Structure formats: structure tokens, C-alpha cells
Amino acid sequence: MVPLLISVLALAQTSVETKITPVAAKDLPAAVVAVVKGAAPAMTIKEAELKERENRRYFDVEGVMPDGSEIEFDLLEKDGAWTIVETQRDIAWSDAPKAVRDAAAASGKAITPVRVIESKQNDGMVIYELFAAGKPKDPSMEVSFKDGQAKVLSEVWPH
């Protein structure tokens, strides 16, 4: 019984690893480029990463638009086809919908974001990731927005 318990505990402590492989823009699969260019024809692809975890493959494809703004597409491979599951770009906090700004202000957390990432999901949901000064790695708050309704998330959105 003790060895079984130890095995179960060891399994419970195992974290899911993500294998990340940088991929040069010129080495991206044609199918990935076609999906990205279909969404943003004027985008210049700058870099990409292949992420593999839990038998899933993702590409994060970053680039720049003609106006100099940066954009990132996250693609998931399903049944041999690539689909955009998330589109991200940095925006000014003042450009976030008023309902999102109001929800953040009403949350009781004192945060003035120095960086805001607008993350459009393929189901119409938009997640706003708010980064506080001195904390560039993880968002200090995330707010979801769909159908005019904003909600401060209590758990990290699974990007």
C-alpha cells in the first residue's frame, strides 16, 4: 500500500512540460503561413515557436503590420489542420472597452496597467491581460469580455 501511495503522489506532482522549439519564419509549414496570411495578409512574419504538450501542437507566430504594430497568432493543429485559436496584440489601456476598465476598477485591486494585451479567442471572447509596473512576466489581472459583459477572472485564462 505504501509503494502505491508514493507512486500516486509522484504522479500528482508531475507537471505538464511544454517543449518549445524556435522556428525561423522561412521554415514555417506552408499550411501555417496560409492560415496566418488568410487572417492578416499584410503581416510580415518575424518569428515563431512550435509548442508541444499533452499530445497537442501549437505554433505561436509573431509579426508586424505595415503600421508597425505587432500581432501574434496562436494556432492549434487538430486532425492535421491548423486553426487560429487566439490573436494577441498590445493596446493602450484607454483603448480597452469601458466595461473592461470599469470591471478592473471595481475589483478592489489597485492596478494601473503599464502593458495591456488584448487576446481575441476564436469563440468571440476577448481576454485583457493587465500587467503592473515591475511585473512584466505574468498579468496582475485578467478581464474577460464577451457580448458587452466584462468580468475579472479569478483564475488564469488557459492561453
N, C-alpha and C. Protein backbone atom coordinates (compact mmCIF):
# COMPACT_ATOMS: atom_id res chain seq x y z
N MET A 1 0.82 -1.20 0.00
CA MET A 1 0.00 0.00 0.00
C MET A 1 0.86 1.26 0.00
N VAL A 2 1.94 1.27 0.76
CA VAL A 2 2.82 2.44 0.81
C VAL A 2 3.46 2.73 -0.55
N PRO A 3 4.01 1.70 -1.27
CA PRO A 3 4.57 2.00 -2.59
C PRO A 3 3.52 2.57 -3.55
N LEU A 4 2.29 2.07 -3.47
CA LEU A 4 1.24 2.57 -4.34
C LEU A 4 0.95 4.04 -4.02
N LEU A 5 0.88 4.37 -2.75
CA LEU A 5 0.63 5.74 -2.34
C LEU A 5 1.75 6.66 -2.82
N ILE A 6 2.99 6.21 -2.70
CA ILE A 6 4.13 7.00 -3.16
C ILE A 6 4.04 7.21 -4.66
N SER A 7 3.66 6.16 -5.40
CA SER A 7 3.53 6.29 -6.85
C SER A 7 2.44 7.29 -7.22
N VAL A 8 1.32 7.23 -6.54
CA VAL A 8 0.23 8.16 -6.81
C VAL A 8 0.66 9.59 -6.50
N LEU A 9 1.36 9.78 -5.38
CA LEU A 9 1.84 11.11 -5.03
C LEU A 9 2.85 11.62 -6.05
N ALA A 10 3.71 10.75 -6.52
CA ALA A 10 4.70 11.14 -7.52
C ALA A 10 4.00 11.57 -8.81
N LEU A 11 2.96 10.83 -9.19
CA LEU A 11 2.20 11.20 -10.39
C LEU A 11 1.51 12.55 -10.21
N ALA A 12 0.97 12.79 -9.03
CA ALA A 12 0.26 14.03 -8.76
C ALA A 12 1.19 15.23 -8.83
N GLN A 13 2.47 15.03 -8.53
CA GLN A 13 3.42 16.13 -8.54
C GLN A 13 4.03 16.37 -9.92
N THR A 14 3.77 15.47 -10.86
CA THR A 14 4.33 15.63 -12.20
C THR A 14 3.63 16.79 -12.90
N SER A 15 4.41 17.75 -13.37
CA SER A 15 3.81 18.87 -14.08
C SER A 15 3.88 18.60 -15.58
N VAL A 16 2.99 19.24 -16.29
CA VAL A 16 2.96 19.09 -17.73
C VAL A 16 4.05 19.96 -18.32
N GLU A 17 4.94 19.34 -19.07
CA GLU A 17 6.03 20.08 -19.69
C GLU A 17 5.64 20.48 -21.10
N THR A 18 6.07 21.66 -21.46
CA THR A 18 5.87 22.15 -22.82
C THR A 18 7.23 22.19 -23.50
N LYS A 19 7.34 21.49 -24.60
CA LYS A 19 8.56 21.53 -25.40
C LYS A 19 8.42 22.71 -26.36
N ILE A 20 9.37 23.63 -26.31
CA ILE A 20 9.33 24.82 -27.15
C ILE A 20 10.51 24.80 -28.11
N THR A 21 10.20 24.91 -29.40
CA THR A 21 11.23 24.91 -30.44
C THR A 21 11.10 26.18 -31.28
N PRO A 22 12.13 27.05 -31.26
CA PRO A 22 12.08 28.22 -32.13
C PRO A 22 12.08 27.78 -33.60
N VAL A 23 11.31 28.48 -34.42
CA VAL A 23 11.21 28.16 -35.85
C VAL A 23 11.37 29.47 -36.63
N ALA A 24 12.32 29.48 -37.55
CA ALA A 24 12.51 30.66 -38.40
C ALA A 24 11.30 30.83 -39.31
N ALA A 25 10.97 32.06 -39.63
CA ALA A 25 9.81 32.34 -40.48
C ALA A 25 9.87 31.55 -41.78
N LYS A 26 11.07 31.45 -42.37
CA LYS A 26 11.21 30.75 -43.65
C LYS A 26 11.00 29.25 -43.52
N ASP A 27 11.06 28.72 -42.29
CA ASP A 27 10.91 27.29 -42.07
C ASP A 27 9.51 26.88 -41.60
N LEU A 28 8.60 27.84 -41.51
CA LEU A 28 7.24 27.51 -41.09
C LEU A 28 6.55 26.65 -42.15
N PRO A 29 5.74 25.69 -41.73
CA PRO A 29 4.98 24.90 -42.70
C PRO A 29 4.08 25.82 -43.54
N ALA A 30 3.95 25.51 -44.81
CA ALA A 30 3.13 26.31 -45.73
C ALA A 30 1.69 26.44 -45.22
N ALA A 31 1.17 25.39 -44.60
CA ALA A 31 -0.20 25.42 -44.11
C ALA A 31 -0.37 26.45 -42.99
N VAL A 32 0.65 26.60 -42.14
CA VAL A 32 0.61 27.58 -41.06
C VAL A 32 0.65 28.99 -41.64
N VAL A 33 1.55 29.21 -42.59
CA VAL A 33 1.67 30.52 -43.23
C VAL A 33 0.36 30.89 -43.93
N ALA A 34 -0.26 29.93 -44.60
CA ALA A 34 -1.52 30.20 -45.31
C ALA A 34 -2.62 30.65 -44.35
N VAL A 35 -2.72 30.01 -43.19
CA VAL A 35 -3.74 30.39 -42.21
C VAL A 35 -3.46 31.80 -41.68
N VAL A 36 -2.20 32.06 -41.34
CA VAL A 36 -1.83 33.38 -40.80
C VAL A 36 -2.07 34.47 -41.84
N LYS A 37 -1.63 34.23 -43.07
CA LYS A 37 -1.80 35.23 -44.13
C LYS A 37 -3.27 35.41 -44.50
N GLY A 38 -4.07 34.37 -44.31
CA GLY A 38 -5.50 34.50 -44.54
C GLY A 38 -6.15 35.45 -43.54
N ALA A 39 -5.61 35.47 -42.33
CA ALA A 39 -6.15 36.35 -41.28
C ALA A 39 -5.56 37.76 -41.35
N ALA A 40 -4.30 37.86 -41.76
CA ALA A 40 -3.61 39.16 -41.81
C ALA A 40 -2.69 39.19 -43.03
N PRO A 41 -3.25 39.41 -44.22
CA PRO A 41 -2.46 39.33 -45.45
C PRO A 41 -1.24 40.25 -45.49
N ALA A 42 -1.32 41.40 -44.82
CA ALA A 42 -0.22 42.37 -44.87
C ALA A 42 0.85 42.13 -43.80
N MET A 43 0.64 41.14 -42.96
CA MET A 43 1.58 40.87 -41.87
C MET A 43 2.91 40.35 -42.41
N THR A 44 3.99 40.85 -41.82
CA THR A 44 5.32 40.29 -42.08
C THR A 44 5.66 39.40 -40.90
N ILE A 45 5.82 38.11 -41.14
CA ILE A 45 6.15 37.17 -40.06
C ILE A 45 7.59 37.38 -39.65
N LYS A 46 7.80 37.57 -38.34
CA LYS A 46 9.14 37.81 -37.81
C LYS A 46 9.74 36.58 -37.15
N GLU A 47 8.94 35.88 -36.34
CA GLU A 47 9.45 34.69 -35.65
C GLU A 47 8.30 33.80 -35.24
N ALA A 48 8.66 32.58 -34.87
CA ALA A 48 7.64 31.62 -34.46
C ALA A 48 8.24 30.61 -33.50
N GLU A 49 7.35 29.97 -32.75
CA GLU A 49 7.75 28.87 -31.87
C GLU A 49 6.74 27.74 -32.04
N LEU A 50 7.26 26.53 -32.08
CA LEU A 50 6.42 25.34 -32.04
C LEU A 50 6.37 24.90 -30.59
N LYS A 51 5.16 24.76 -30.06
CA LYS A 51 4.98 24.31 -28.68
C LYS A 51 4.25 22.97 -28.70
N GLU A 52 4.82 22.01 -27.98
CA GLU A 52 4.22 20.68 -27.93
C GLU A 52 3.99 20.30 -26.47
N ARG A 53 2.74 19.96 -26.15
CA ARG A 53 2.41 19.50 -24.80
C ARG A 53 1.12 18.68 -24.85
N GLU A 54 1.08 17.67 -24.01
CA GLU A 54 -0.09 16.80 -23.88
C GLU A 54 -0.64 16.36 -25.24
N ASN A 55 0.24 15.89 -26.11
CA ASN A 55 -0.14 15.41 -27.44
C ASN A 55 -0.82 16.47 -28.31
N ARG A 56 -0.54 17.74 -28.02
CA ARG A 56 -1.05 18.84 -28.84
C ARG A 56 0.12 19.63 -29.38
N ARG A 57 -0.06 20.18 -30.59
CA ARG A 57 0.98 21.02 -31.21
C ARG A 57 0.39 22.40 -31.50
N TYR A 58 1.14 23.41 -31.09
CA TYR A 58 0.75 24.80 -31.31
C TYR A 58 1.88 25.52 -32.02
N PHE A 59 1.54 26.52 -32.80
CA PHE A 59 2.52 27.48 -33.29
C PHE A 59 2.13 28.84 -32.76
N ASP A 60 3.10 29.55 -32.18
CA ASP A 60 2.95 30.97 -31.87
C ASP A 60 3.69 31.69 -32.98
N VAL A 61 2.97 32.47 -33.77
CA VAL A 61 3.56 33.17 -34.91
C VAL A 61 3.45 34.67 -34.66
N GLU A 62 4.60 35.32 -34.56
CA GLU A 62 4.64 36.75 -34.28
C GLU A 62 5.07 37.52 -35.52
N GLY A 63 4.49 38.71 -35.66
CA GLY A 63 4.85 39.52 -36.81
C GLY A 63 4.49 40.97 -36.60
N VAL A 64 4.64 41.71 -37.68
CA VAL A 64 4.40 43.15 -37.64
C VAL A 64 3.52 43.53 -38.83
N MET A 65 2.64 44.49 -38.57
CA MET A 65 1.75 45.01 -39.61
C MET A 65 2.42 46.22 -40.27
N PRO A 66 1.93 46.64 -41.43
CA PRO A 66 2.54 47.78 -42.13
C PRO A 66 2.63 49.05 -41.28
N ASP A 67 1.71 49.24 -40.32
CA ASP A 67 1.75 50.43 -39.48
C ASP A 67 2.75 50.31 -38.33
N GLY A 68 3.46 49.16 -38.27
CA GLY A 68 4.46 48.94 -37.23
C GLY A 68 3.93 48.22 -36.00
N SER A 69 2.61 48.02 -35.91
CA SER A 69 2.05 47.33 -34.75
C SER A 69 2.37 45.85 -34.82
N GLU A 70 2.58 45.28 -33.63
CA GLU A 70 2.90 43.86 -33.54
C GLU A 70 1.63 43.05 -33.34
N ILE A 71 1.64 41.83 -33.83
CA ILE A 71 0.49 40.94 -33.70
C ILE A 71 1.02 39.51 -33.56
N GLU A 72 0.29 38.70 -32.82
CA GLU A 72 0.67 37.29 -32.64
C GLU A 72 -0.55 36.41 -32.83
N PHE A 73 -0.36 35.35 -33.58
CA PHE A 73 -1.41 34.35 -33.76
C PHE A 73 -0.96 33.06 -33.09
N ASP A 74 -1.85 32.45 -32.31
CA ASP A 74 -1.61 31.13 -31.74
C ASP A 74 -2.47 30.15 -32.51
N LEU A 75 -1.81 29.16 -33.10
CA LEU A 75 -2.51 28.17 -33.91
C LEU A 75 -2.41 26.80 -33.26
N LEU A 76 -3.47 26.03 -33.36
CA LEU A 76 -3.53 24.67 -32.84
C LEU A 76 -3.74 23.72 -34.00
N GLU A 77 -2.98 22.62 -33.98
CA GLU A 77 -3.17 21.59 -35.00
C GLU A 77 -4.22 20.60 -34.51
N LYS A 78 -5.23 20.38 -35.32
CA LYS A 78 -6.28 19.42 -34.98
C LYS A 78 -6.64 18.66 -36.23
N ASP A 79 -6.52 17.35 -36.15
CA ASP A 79 -6.82 16.47 -37.29
C ASP A 79 -6.04 16.88 -38.54
N GLY A 80 -4.78 17.29 -38.33
CA GLY A 80 -3.90 17.62 -39.44
C GLY A 80 -4.07 19.01 -40.02
N ALA A 81 -5.00 19.79 -39.48
CA ALA A 81 -5.23 21.15 -39.98
C ALA A 81 -4.90 22.17 -38.88
N TRP A 82 -4.42 23.34 -39.30
CA TRP A 82 -4.06 24.40 -38.36
C TRP A 82 -5.18 25.42 -38.28
N THR A 83 -5.52 25.81 -37.05
CA THR A 83 -6.59 26.78 -36.80
C THR A 83 -6.10 27.83 -35.82
N ILE A 84 -6.43 29.08 -36.08
CA ILE A 84 -6.10 30.14 -35.12
C ILE A 84 -7.04 30.01 -33.93
N VAL A 85 -6.45 29.93 -32.73
CA VAL A 85 -7.25 29.84 -31.52
C VAL A 85 -7.17 31.11 -30.69
N GLU A 86 -6.20 31.97 -31.03
CA GLU A 86 -6.03 33.19 -30.26
C GLU A 86 -5.24 34.20 -31.10
N THR A 87 -5.66 35.47 -31.03
CA THR A 87 -4.95 36.56 -31.70
C THR A 87 -4.63 37.60 -30.65
N GLN A 88 -3.35 37.94 -30.52
CA GLN A 88 -2.93 38.86 -29.47
C GLN A 88 -2.26 40.10 -30.05
N ARG A 89 -2.52 41.22 -29.37
CA ARG A 89 -1.82 42.46 -29.70
C ARG A 89 -1.80 43.35 -28.47
N ASP A 90 -0.80 44.19 -28.38
CA ASP A 90 -0.74 45.17 -27.30
C ASP A 90 -1.64 46.34 -27.66
N ILE A 91 -2.34 46.86 -26.66
CA ILE A 91 -3.17 48.05 -26.86
C ILE A 91 -2.93 49.01 -25.69
N ALA A 92 -3.33 50.25 -25.88
CA ALA A 92 -3.32 51.21 -24.78
C ALA A 92 -4.49 50.88 -23.86
N TRP A 93 -4.31 51.07 -22.56
CA TRP A 93 -5.36 50.79 -21.59
C TRP A 93 -6.61 51.61 -21.93
N SER A 94 -6.42 52.82 -22.39
CA SER A 94 -7.55 53.69 -22.74
C SER A 94 -8.34 53.15 -23.94
N ASP A 95 -7.75 52.24 -24.72
CA ASP A 95 -8.44 51.65 -25.87
C ASP A 95 -9.26 50.41 -25.50
N ALA A 96 -9.11 49.92 -24.27
CA ALA A 96 -9.92 48.78 -23.82
C ALA A 96 -11.36 49.27 -23.65
N PRO A 97 -12.34 48.40 -23.86
CA PRO A 97 -13.74 48.82 -23.67
C PRO A 97 -13.97 49.37 -22.26
N LYS A 98 -14.87 50.35 -22.17
CA LYS A 98 -15.16 50.98 -20.88
C LYS A 98 -15.61 49.94 -19.85
N ALA A 99 -16.39 48.96 -20.27
CA ALA A 99 -16.86 47.93 -19.34
C ALA A 99 -15.69 47.16 -18.74
N VAL A 100 -14.64 46.93 -19.52
CA VAL A 100 -13.44 46.23 -19.03
C VAL A 100 -12.71 47.11 -18.01
N ARG A 101 -12.53 48.38 -18.34
CA ARG A 101 -11.85 49.30 -17.42
C ARG A 101 -12.65 49.45 -16.13
N ASP A 102 -13.98 49.52 -16.24
CA ASP A 102 -14.83 49.65 -15.06
C ASP A 102 -14.76 48.41 -14.18
N ALA A 103 -14.77 47.22 -14.79
CA ALA A 103 -14.68 45.97 -14.01
C ALA A 103 -13.36 45.90 -13.27
N ALA A 104 -12.28 46.28 -13.93
CA ALA A 104 -10.96 46.27 -13.27
C ALA A 104 -10.94 47.24 -12.10
N ALA A 105 -11.50 48.44 -12.29
CA ALA A 105 -11.52 49.45 -11.23
C ALA A 105 -12.37 48.99 -10.05
N ALA A 106 -13.46 48.29 -10.32
CA ALA A 106 -14.37 47.84 -9.27
C ALA A 106 -13.87 46.60 -8.54
N SER A 107 -12.78 46.01 -9.02
CA SER A 107 -12.29 44.74 -8.45
C SER A 107 -11.68 44.91 -7.07
N GLY A 108 -11.31 46.12 -6.71
CA GLY A 108 -10.66 46.34 -5.43
C GLY A 108 -9.15 46.22 -5.50
N LYS A 109 -8.63 45.74 -6.63
CA LYS A 109 -7.18 45.66 -6.82
C LYS A 109 -6.70 46.99 -7.39
N ALA A 110 -5.74 47.58 -6.74
CA ALA A 110 -5.20 48.85 -7.23
C ALA A 110 -4.14 48.55 -8.28
N ILE A 111 -4.53 48.62 -9.54
CA ILE A 111 -3.58 48.36 -10.62
C ILE A 111 -3.77 49.40 -11.72
N THR A 112 -2.66 50.00 -12.08
CA THR A 112 -2.62 50.87 -13.24
C THR A 112 -1.74 50.15 -14.24
N PRO A 113 -2.33 49.50 -15.23
CA PRO A 113 -1.52 48.67 -16.13
C PRO A 113 -0.54 49.50 -16.96
N VAL A 114 0.68 48.97 -17.05
CA VAL A 114 1.70 49.58 -17.90
C VAL A 114 1.75 48.86 -19.25
N ARG A 115 1.12 47.70 -19.30
CA ARG A 115 1.00 46.95 -20.55
C ARG A 115 -0.34 46.23 -20.54
N VAL A 116 -1.02 46.26 -21.69
CA VAL A 116 -2.29 45.56 -21.84
C VAL A 116 -2.22 44.73 -23.12
N ILE A 117 -2.48 43.43 -22.97
CA ILE A 117 -2.56 42.55 -24.14
C ILE A 117 -4.02 42.21 -24.36
N GLU A 118 -4.48 42.48 -25.58
CA GLU A 118 -5.83 42.11 -25.99
C GLU A 118 -5.73 40.77 -26.68
N SER A 119 -6.40 39.77 -26.13
CA SER A 119 -6.28 38.40 -26.63
C SER A 119 -7.65 37.92 -27.11
N LYS A 120 -7.85 37.95 -28.43
CA LYS A 120 -9.13 37.54 -29.00
C LYS A 120 -9.15 36.03 -29.18
N GLN A 121 -10.17 35.40 -28.59
CA GLN A 121 -10.35 33.96 -28.70
C GLN A 121 -11.22 33.67 -29.92
N ASN A 122 -11.19 32.44 -30.39
CA ASN A 122 -11.95 32.13 -31.60
C ASN A 122 -13.45 31.95 -31.34
N ASP A 123 -13.89 32.07 -30.09
CA ASP A 123 -15.32 31.96 -29.78
C ASP A 123 -15.96 33.34 -29.54
N GLY A 124 -15.21 34.42 -29.83
CA GLY A 124 -15.73 35.76 -29.63
C GLY A 124 -15.36 36.39 -28.30
N MET A 125 -14.86 35.59 -27.38
CA MET A 125 -14.40 36.11 -26.09
C MET A 125 -13.10 36.88 -26.30
N VAL A 126 -12.93 37.97 -25.55
CA VAL A 126 -11.68 38.71 -25.55
C VAL A 126 -11.17 38.75 -24.12
N ILE A 127 -9.91 38.39 -23.94
CA ILE A 127 -9.28 38.44 -22.62
C ILE A 127 -8.30 39.61 -22.63
N TYR A 128 -8.41 40.47 -21.63
CA TYR A 128 -7.48 41.58 -21.47
C TYR A 128 -6.53 41.22 -20.34
N GLU A 129 -5.25 41.13 -20.67
CA GLU A 129 -4.21 40.81 -19.69
C GLU A 129 -3.57 42.12 -19.25
N LEU A 130 -3.66 42.42 -17.96
CA LEU A 130 -3.16 43.68 -17.42
C LEU A 130 -1.87 43.44 -16.64
N PHE A 131 -0.82 44.14 -17.02
CA PHE A 131 0.49 43.98 -16.40
C PHE A 131 0.82 45.22 -15.57
N ALA A 132 1.19 45.00 -14.31
CA ALA A 132 1.56 46.09 -13.42
C ALA A 132 3.03 46.44 -13.59
N ALA A 133 3.39 47.64 -13.21
CA ALA A 133 4.79 48.08 -13.27
C ALA A 133 5.66 47.13 -12.46
N GLY A 134 6.80 46.76 -13.02
CA GLY A 134 7.75 45.89 -12.33
C GLY A 134 7.38 44.42 -12.35
N LYS A 135 6.30 44.06 -13.02
CA LYS A 135 5.85 42.66 -13.09
C LYS A 135 5.56 42.29 -14.55
N PRO A 136 6.61 42.22 -15.37
CA PRO A 136 6.39 42.01 -16.81
C PRO A 136 6.08 40.57 -17.23
N LYS A 137 6.31 39.60 -16.34
CA LYS A 137 6.19 38.20 -16.74
C LYS A 137 4.76 37.68 -16.74
N ASP A 138 4.03 37.95 -15.68
CA ASP A 138 2.67 37.43 -15.56
C ASP A 138 1.68 38.57 -15.35
N PRO A 139 0.49 38.46 -15.94
CA PRO A 139 -0.50 39.52 -15.74
C PRO A 139 -0.91 39.62 -14.27
N SER A 140 -1.12 40.84 -13.81
CA SER A 140 -1.60 41.07 -12.45
C SER A 140 -3.11 40.89 -12.37
N MET A 141 -3.76 41.00 -13.52
CA MET A 141 -5.21 40.81 -13.59
C MET A 141 -5.58 40.45 -15.02
N GLU A 142 -6.64 39.65 -15.15
CA GLU A 142 -7.20 39.34 -16.46
C GLU A 142 -8.70 39.61 -16.40
N VAL A 143 -9.20 40.24 -17.45
CA VAL A 143 -10.62 40.56 -17.54
C VAL A 143 -11.15 39.97 -18.84
N SER A 144 -12.24 39.21 -18.74
CA SER A 144 -12.87 38.66 -19.95
C SER A 144 -13.96 39.63 -20.41
N PHE A 145 -14.21 39.61 -21.72
CA PHE A 145 -15.22 40.50 -22.30
C PHE A 145 -15.90 39.77 -23.45
N LYS A 146 -17.22 39.63 -23.33
CA LYS A 146 -17.99 39.00 -24.40
C LYS A 146 -19.43 39.50 -24.30
N ASP A 147 -20.01 39.78 -25.45
CA ASP A 147 -21.40 40.24 -25.52
C ASP A 147 -21.65 41.44 -24.60
N GLY A 148 -20.67 42.34 -24.52
CA GLY A 148 -20.83 43.56 -23.72
C GLY A 148 -20.62 43.38 -22.23
N GLN A 149 -20.33 42.16 -21.80
CA GLN A 149 -20.16 41.87 -20.37
C GLN A 149 -18.69 41.67 -20.03
N ALA A 150 -18.22 42.36 -19.01
CA ALA A 150 -16.83 42.23 -18.55
C ALA A 150 -16.81 41.57 -17.18
N LYS A 151 -15.80 40.73 -16.97
CA LYS A 151 -15.68 40.01 -15.70
C LYS A 151 -14.21 39.83 -15.36
N VAL A 152 -13.83 40.22 -14.14
CA VAL A 152 -12.47 39.98 -13.68
C VAL A 152 -12.35 38.48 -13.39
N LEU A 153 -11.34 37.85 -13.96
CA LEU A 153 -11.16 36.40 -13.80
C LEU A 153 -10.47 36.09 -12.48
N SER A 154 -10.93 35.03 -11.84
CA SER A 154 -10.30 34.61 -10.58
C SER A 154 -9.20 33.59 -10.83
N GLU A 155 -9.18 32.99 -12.02
CA GLU A 155 -8.14 32.04 -12.40
C GLU A 155 -7.50 32.49 -13.70
N VAL A 156 -6.25 32.09 -13.91
CA VAL A 156 -5.54 32.45 -15.12
C VAL A 156 -6.21 31.79 -16.32
N TRP A 157 -6.44 32.57 -17.36
CA TRP A 157 -7.04 32.04 -18.60
C TRP A 157 -6.04 31.09 -19.25
N PRO A 158 -6.48 29.90 -19.68
CA PRO A 158 -5.55 28.93 -20.27
C PRO A 158 -5.17 29.29 -21.70
N HIS A 159 -4.14 30.10 -21.86
CA HIS A 159 -3.71 30.59 -23.19
C HIS A 159 -2.98 29.51 -23.94
